Amino acid sequence: MTSLKEVGERQLVETVRSIIRPRSKSTVVGPGDDAAVIRNPSGDIVVSTDVVTKERHLPETMTYEQFGWTAAAVNFSDIASMGARPLGFLPAVTIPEDADESILYDIMSGIDQCCEFCKTEVVGGDTKFGSLAVAGTAIGTMEGRKPMTRRGAQPGDIVAVTGMLGGPAAGYYAIKNGFEAEDQIFSLMVPVPHVEDGIKLSGTGAVHSCMDLSDGLANAATEICRQSHVGMEIEWEFLPIDDEVKDILEASHADLRDTVTRWGGEYELLFTLDRGDLQKLYDAGIAFSIIGLVTNGEGPVLNDGDERKVMENGIY
């Protein structure tokens, strides 16, 4: 008998997809993307669900309020990567019977604060006794825009990313080694879903594919390549990395290239588009960095000078 750990999370998704019935015509995007998209006459509905657990997502220095924020943020980030505007959030919280009541208050406060940040609210949910975890469901609407998926990348596309990379990884190592790194630690504990960037990107109509970086740049690039049947050439020197992040990782004796590309925990958006449409993004006021090119190859490759290396899946 093969254990679930041996199977791996990606294969679990494929196993589930092989069991459930094929999606109906009303389901525009089904299992395997950042979120589901359901056809609706007044604007397609986007739904995402994700689980955070104490064992995997609650480091010792994280507060329960930050844990609650993260539970909401991971779902709103998936909504953002499709280009949807959030409509509401439903958290299902399990908590030990002997836990202090204040823990539940703090978790729900964090969830509510993230909802407020994303200009929406808690619209329902559930609470049960059990191991500490939050299973959240975010709902959004495309408002007539076309959803951005992982499947549309085309050879010749520009590969780009919003924001800076490596902050959460640097925050983790700063905590581990006792370094002063307020911004990086905050980015680890309070991840920010890029909802407005997603809405702007989808509004341009120029983006061919998109995915958030919650599991790392390498993972996102691999998923887009796999589902779009393309390759990518990513240039290390083009990746937006703060000097402070580099200093923290180097002082921690962490492999800089491996950590920045594979660690994850950051919710920037990776996307592709035709180079002729770049002006549409500039006109929309979207801040981004061009980091590579979509090719006819298989999977993403990281170029660093004369060295070319196949990008491996995340380690977060």
Foldseek 3Di string as FASTA:
>chain_A
DDDPVVCDDVNVQVVVVVPDDDDDPQWPDDGDWLWTWGDDPQFIKTKHKDKDACVPQPPPPAALLLVLLVRQQSQLLSCLQFQWQWAEKAKAWEAAPPDDPVSVVSSVNSNQVNCVVSVYGHDYYYYYYDHTMIMMMIMTGLSPFGTATLAFDDFQWFKKWADAWQLCVLLVLCVVVVHDDVRSVCCLSRAHRPNVLSNLVSVLVFWRHKDWQQQFQQASQQSSCVNNVWEKEFEPVQHHHDPVSVVSCVVSVHDVVLCRGAAHSYTMMITIGNPVSVVSCVVSVGHMTGTTGIRNDGYYWYDYPPDIHGRDHHDD
